[in-house]
Amino acid sequence: MNGPVKTVIVTGASQGIGAGIVKGFVERGFNVVANSRNVSQSTEVAASRQVALVDGDIGEPETAVRIVETALSRFNSIDVLVNNAGIFFTRPFTDYTSKEIKSLISTNIEGFLYITQMTIRQMLVQQTGGSIVTITAALARNPIRGITASVPMITKGGLETVTQHLAMEYAKDGIRVNAVAPGVVETPLHRDTPKAVMEGMSPMGRPSTVEEIRDAVMYLTDTATVTGNILYVDGGSHSGCW
């Protein structure tokens, strides 16, 4: 990487996709501020000279403040934000409780809003542009009858929409805003899901890997004229029925 060392914030970083993204940025020479509720206890991500850990619920404004303060005090800038934190569970629509709905909104929506607002404010101060990448879900675009996830997809569909609006709002400032929309991915979230079920959720007959999601994030981070893009990494499941 040429020029000054850049700094990336990664939420939901303690395992799976988030931990893979942290590793990818470290290998590319970035400074990283990694967050999750208990990221300091992670077996996949460790604090180092190059990596700062911030425990906390990303749905709380105070957590976003501590993440940004850590990035600036340790590394002096914020150049990239990866909004990876999110929760997902399935229920018939009529069975979602008010507590579950609030938890989805807190993590998936508020967890995006507070840290993204603060990041954009800092990028505007720096006047050097930046990149924001949010992990959404292919399921928001292409519902599958057997996966009853209507309420979580309210949040994921909203993230796709705000991605495209922010891309236009901040295009002249050089702040690019994109999203990666995975289908089914081999992560700890699916450790108990039978292999045949995982394969059946992709037209290509195989789930994506953490490394493939990571590579999509890196592409969107690097490519200077891509903004407002939803990059589907889902074996084609967003395209239709199979």
Protein backbone atom coordinates (compact mmCIF):
# COMPACT_ATOMS: atom_id res chain seq x y z
CA MET A 1 0.00 0.00 0.00
CA ASN A 2 1.48 3.33 -1.10
CA GLY A 3 1.34 6.53 0.96
CA PRO A 4 0.34 6.89 4.64
CA VAL A 5 -0.96 3.81 6.42
CA LYS A 6 -4.75 3.81 6.29
CA THR A 7 -7.15 2.90 9.07
CA VAL A 8 -10.24 0.72 8.80
CA ILE A 9 -13.04 0.13 11.32
CA VAL A 10 -14.64 -3.32 11.20
CA THR A 11 -17.77 -4.08 13.26
CA GLY A 12 -18.95 -7.57 14.11
CA ALA A 13 -15.31 -8.54 14.00
CA SER A 14 -14.91 -11.34 16.53
CA GLN A 15 -15.54 -14.32 14.23
CA GLY A 16 -16.62 -15.52 10.81
CA ILE A 17 -16.86 -12.88 8.08
CA GLY A 18 -15.81 -10.03 10.36
CA ALA A 19 -12.67 -11.79 11.56
CA GLY A 20 -11.82 -12.72 7.98
CA ILE A 21 -12.15 -9.09 6.92
CA VAL A 22 -9.90 -7.96 9.78
CA LYS A 23 -7.27 -10.48 8.72
CA GLY A 24 -7.49 -9.34 5.11
CA PHE A 25 -6.89 -5.69 5.98
CA VAL A 26 -4.02 -6.53 8.34
CA GLU A 27 -2.33 -8.52 5.58
CA ARG A 28 -2.66 -5.47 3.32
CA GLY A 29 -0.95 -3.21 5.83
CA PHE A 30 -3.95 -1.33 7.23
CA ASN A 31 -4.40 -0.32 10.84
CA VAL A 32 -7.62 -1.88 12.14
CA VAL A 33 -10.10 -0.99 14.87
CA ALA A 34 -12.14 -4.14 15.46
CA ASN A 35 -15.41 -4.11 17.37
CA SER A 36 -17.96 -6.56 18.67
CA ARG A 37 -19.68 -7.05 22.02
CA ASN A 38 -16.79 -9.18 23.29
CA VAL A 39 -14.10 -8.87 20.63
CA SER A 40 -11.37 -8.86 23.30
CA GLN A 41 -12.30 -12.48 24.03
CA SER A 42 -12.15 -13.56 20.39
CA THR A 43 -10.06 -16.57 19.42
CA GLU A 44 -9.79 -15.27 15.83
CA VAL A 45 -8.80 -11.62 16.34
CA ALA A 46 -6.07 -10.37 18.71
CA ALA A 47 -4.87 -6.92 19.75
CA SER A 48 -1.50 -5.85 18.36
CA ARG A 49 0.44 -2.76 17.31
CA GLN A 50 -1.69 -2.76 14.17
CA VAL A 51 -5.02 -3.86 15.67
CA ALA A 52 -7.07 -2.11 18.37
CA LEU A 53 -10.03 -3.90 19.96
CA VAL A 54 -13.15 -2.13 21.24
CA ASP A 55 -15.75 -4.15 23.12
CA GLY A 56 -19.33 -2.91 23.03
CA ASP A 57 -22.80 -3.14 21.57
CA ILE A 58 -22.68 -1.38 18.19
CA GLY A 59 -26.35 -0.49 18.59
CA GLU A 60 -25.40 1.94 21.38
CA PRO A 61 -24.21 5.45 20.40
CA GLU A 62 -21.57 5.34 23.14
CA THR A 63 -19.90 2.38 21.44
CA ALA A 64 -19.59 4.28 18.17
CA VAL A 65 -18.01 7.18 20.06
CA ARG A 66 -15.41 4.89 21.66
CA ILE A 67 -14.60 3.23 18.33
CA VAL A 68 -13.98 6.56 16.61
CA GLU A 69 -12.00 7.95 19.55
CA THR A 70 -9.84 4.81 19.51
CA ALA A 71 -9.22 5.08 15.76
CA LEU A 72 -8.14 8.70 16.04
CA SER A 73 -6.06 8.38 19.21
CA ARG A 74 -4.25 5.21 18.03
CA PHE A 75 -4.02 5.75 14.27
CA ASN A 76 -4.96 9.40 13.55
CA SER A 77 -7.49 8.82 10.75
CA ILE A 78 -10.49 6.86 9.55
CA ASP A 79 -10.27 5.87 5.90
CA VAL A 80 -12.51 2.81 5.60
CA LEU A 81 -15.56 1.52 7.50
CA VAL A 82 -16.90 -2.01 7.12
CA ASN A 83 -20.34 -2.37 8.68
CA ASN A 84 -20.38 -6.10 9.22
CA ALA A 85 -22.23 -6.38 12.54
CA GLY A 86 -25.66 -7.91 12.18
CA ILE A 87 -28.04 -10.48 13.59
CA PHE A 88 -30.29 -12.87 11.71
CA PHE A 89 -32.85 -15.43 12.76
CA THR A 90 -35.96 -16.87 11.15
CA ARG A 91 -39.54 -17.01 12.39
CA PRO A 92 -42.94 -17.00 10.77
CA PHE A 93 -43.79 -13.30 10.38
CA THR A 94 -46.53 -13.43 13.01
CA ASP A 95 -44.21 -15.00 15.61
CA TYR A 96 -41.60 -12.23 15.85
CA THR A 97 -41.84 -10.68 19.32
CA SER A 98 -41.43 -6.99 20.13
CA LYS A 99 -38.16 -7.82 21.92
CA GLU A 100 -36.81 -9.60 18.84
CA ILE A 101 -37.87 -6.76 16.55
CA LYS A 102 -36.13 -4.21 18.78
CA SER A 103 -32.95 -6.28 18.83
CA LEU A 104 -32.91 -6.48 15.02
CA ILE A 105 -33.40 -2.73 14.69
CA SER A 106 -30.78 -1.99 17.36
CA THR A 107 -28.00 -4.08 15.84
CA ASN A 108 -28.78 -3.96 12.13
CA ILE A 109 -30.07 -0.39 11.76
CA GLU A 110 -28.83 1.66 14.71
CA GLY A 111 -25.57 -0.28 14.58
CA PHE A 112 -25.13 1.04 11.05
CA LEU A 113 -26.35 4.57 11.68
CA TYR A 114 -24.27 5.78 14.62
CA ILE A 115 -20.88 4.55 13.46
CA THR A 116 -21.51 5.57 9.84
CA GLN A 117 -22.58 9.09 10.84
CA MET A 118 -19.45 9.56 12.92
CA THR A 119 -17.21 8.06 10.25
CA ILE A 120 -18.56 10.33 7.52
CA ARG A 121 -18.15 13.39 9.75
CA GLN A 122 -14.49 12.47 10.25
CA MET A 123 -13.94 11.75 6.55
CA LEU A 124 -15.36 15.17 5.71
CA VAL A 125 -12.93 16.78 8.15
CA GLN A 126 -10.00 14.86 6.65
CA GLN A 127 -11.03 15.83 3.09
CA THR A 128 -9.34 12.76 1.65
CA GLY A 129 -12.44 10.76 0.74
CA GLY A 130 -13.00 7.26 2.01
CA SER A 131 -14.82 3.97 1.59
CA ILE A 132 -17.81 2.54 3.44
CA VAL A 133 -18.85 -1.06 2.81
CA THR A 134 -21.88 -2.64 4.47
CA ILE A 135 -22.68 -6.35 4.61
CA THR A 136 -26.33 -6.86 3.69
CA ALA A 137 -28.02 -10.04 2.40
CA ALA A 138 -29.01 -11.39 -0.99
CA LEU A 139 -32.21 -12.66 0.64
CA ALA A 140 -33.46 -9.07 0.85
CA ARG A 141 -33.72 -8.97 -2.94
CA ASN A 142 -34.83 -12.52 -3.65
CA PRO A 143 -37.09 -14.12 -1.01
CA ILE A 144 -36.99 -17.91 -0.65
CA ARG A 145 -40.27 -19.52 0.39
CA GLY A 146 -38.68 -21.90 2.87
CA ILE A 147 -36.71 -19.17 4.68
CA THR A 148 -39.07 -17.13 6.84
CA ALA A 149 -36.92 -14.05 7.38
CA SER A 150 -39.25 -11.18 6.51
CA VAL A 151 -38.49 -9.03 9.55
CA PRO A 152 -34.67 -9.30 9.40
CA MET A 153 -34.95 -8.47 5.69
CA ILE A 154 -36.71 -5.19 6.54
CA THR A 155 -33.39 -4.14 8.04
CA LYS A 156 -31.18 -5.58 5.30
CA GLY A 157 -33.28 -4.09 2.53
CA GLY A 158 -33.08 -0.74 4.29
CA LEU A 159 -29.30 -0.97 4.35
CA GLU A 160 -29.24 -1.51 0.59
CA THR A 161 -31.39 1.59 0.10
CA VAL A 162 -29.36 3.84 2.41
CA THR A 163 -26.17 2.65 0.72
CA GLN A 164 -27.36 3.98 -2.61
CA HIS A 165 -28.64 7.25 -1.18
CA LEU A 166 -25.41 7.96 0.73
CA ALA A 167 -23.37 7.15 -2.36
CA MET A 168 -25.09 10.01 -4.16
CA GLU A 169 -25.07 12.36 -1.18
CA TYR A 170 -21.30 12.12 -0.68
CA ALA A 171 -20.03 11.36 -4.19
CA LYS A 172 -18.60 14.87 -4.62
CA ASP A 173 -16.68 14.43 -1.34
CA GLY A 174 -14.95 11.31 -2.61
CA ILE A 175 -16.67 9.13 -0.02
CA ARG A 176 -17.75 5.92 -1.74
CA VAL A 177 -20.56 3.85 -0.23
CA ASN A 178 -21.17 0.27 -1.33
CA ALA A 179 -22.50 -3.02 0.01
CA VAL A 180 -21.77 -6.73 -0.25
CA ALA A 181 -24.83 -8.99 -0.26
CA PRO A 182 -23.90 -12.58 0.60
CA GLY A 183 -26.11 -15.60 0.20
CA VAL A 184 -25.39 -18.57 2.40
CA VAL A 185 -21.80 -18.50 3.72
CA GLU A 186 -19.75 -21.13 5.52
CA THR A 187 -19.41 -19.48 8.96
CA PRO A 188 -19.95 -20.48 12.61
CA LEU A 189 -23.53 -19.22 12.20
CA HIS A 190 -24.23 -22.32 10.08
CA ARG A 191 -22.16 -24.85 12.00
CA ASP A 192 -25.27 -26.96 12.68
CA THR A 193 -26.82 -26.60 9.23
CA PRO A 194 -26.66 -29.84 7.20
CA LYS A 195 -24.40 -29.68 4.16
CA ALA A 196 -27.24 -30.61 1.79
CA VAL A 197 -29.33 -27.70 3.09
CA MET A 198 -26.44 -25.27 2.61
CA GLU A 199 -25.88 -26.48 -0.95
CA GLY A 200 -29.59 -26.23 -1.73
CA MET A 201 -29.62 -22.52 -0.88
CA SER A 202 -27.38 -21.64 -3.83
CA PRO A 203 -28.11 -22.07 -7.54
CA MET A 204 -24.45 -23.05 -7.93
CA GLY A 205 -24.88 -25.78 -5.35
CA ARG A 206 -22.30 -24.51 -2.88
CA PRO A 207 -22.14 -21.81 -0.21
CA SER A 208 -19.72 -18.92 -0.44
CA THR A 209 -16.63 -18.79 1.77
CA VAL A 210 -15.49 -16.12 4.19
CA GLU A 211 -12.56 -15.46 1.87
CA GLU A 212 -14.90 -14.72 -1.04
CA ILE A 213 -16.83 -12.17 1.02
CA ARG A 214 -13.54 -10.66 2.20
CA ASP A 215 -12.32 -10.34 -1.39
CA ALA A 216 -15.53 -8.55 -2.38
CA VAL A 217 -15.01 -6.06 0.44
CA MET A 218 -11.42 -5.48 -0.68
CA TYR A 219 -12.53 -4.87 -4.26
CA LEU A 220 -15.06 -2.25 -3.18
CA THR A 221 -12.48 -0.64 -0.91
CA ASP A 222 -9.90 -0.38 -3.68
CA THR A 223 -11.87 0.59 -6.77
CA ALA A 224 -11.98 4.37 -6.93
CA THR A 225 -14.97 4.83 -9.24
CA VAL A 226 -17.35 2.22 -7.80
CA THR A 227 -20.03 3.68 -5.53
CA GLY A 228 -23.69 2.94 -4.87
CA ASN A 229 -23.08 -0.68 -5.81
CA ILE A 230 -24.64 -3.77 -4.22
CA LEU A 231 -22.22 -6.61 -4.98
CA TYR A 232 -23.97 -9.98 -4.73
CA VAL A 233 -21.77 -12.87 -3.63
CA ASP A 234 -24.45 -15.54 -3.49
CA GLY A 235 -24.00 -18.09 -6.25
CA GLY A 236 -26.66 -16.27 -8.27
CA SER A 237 -29.50 -16.62 -5.78
CA HIS A 238 -30.55 -12.97 -6.15
CA SER A 239 -31.32 -13.52 -9.82
CA GLY A 240 -34.40 -15.73 -9.47
CA CYS A 241 -35.76 -19.18 -8.70
CA TRP A 242 -33.95 -22.50 -9.02
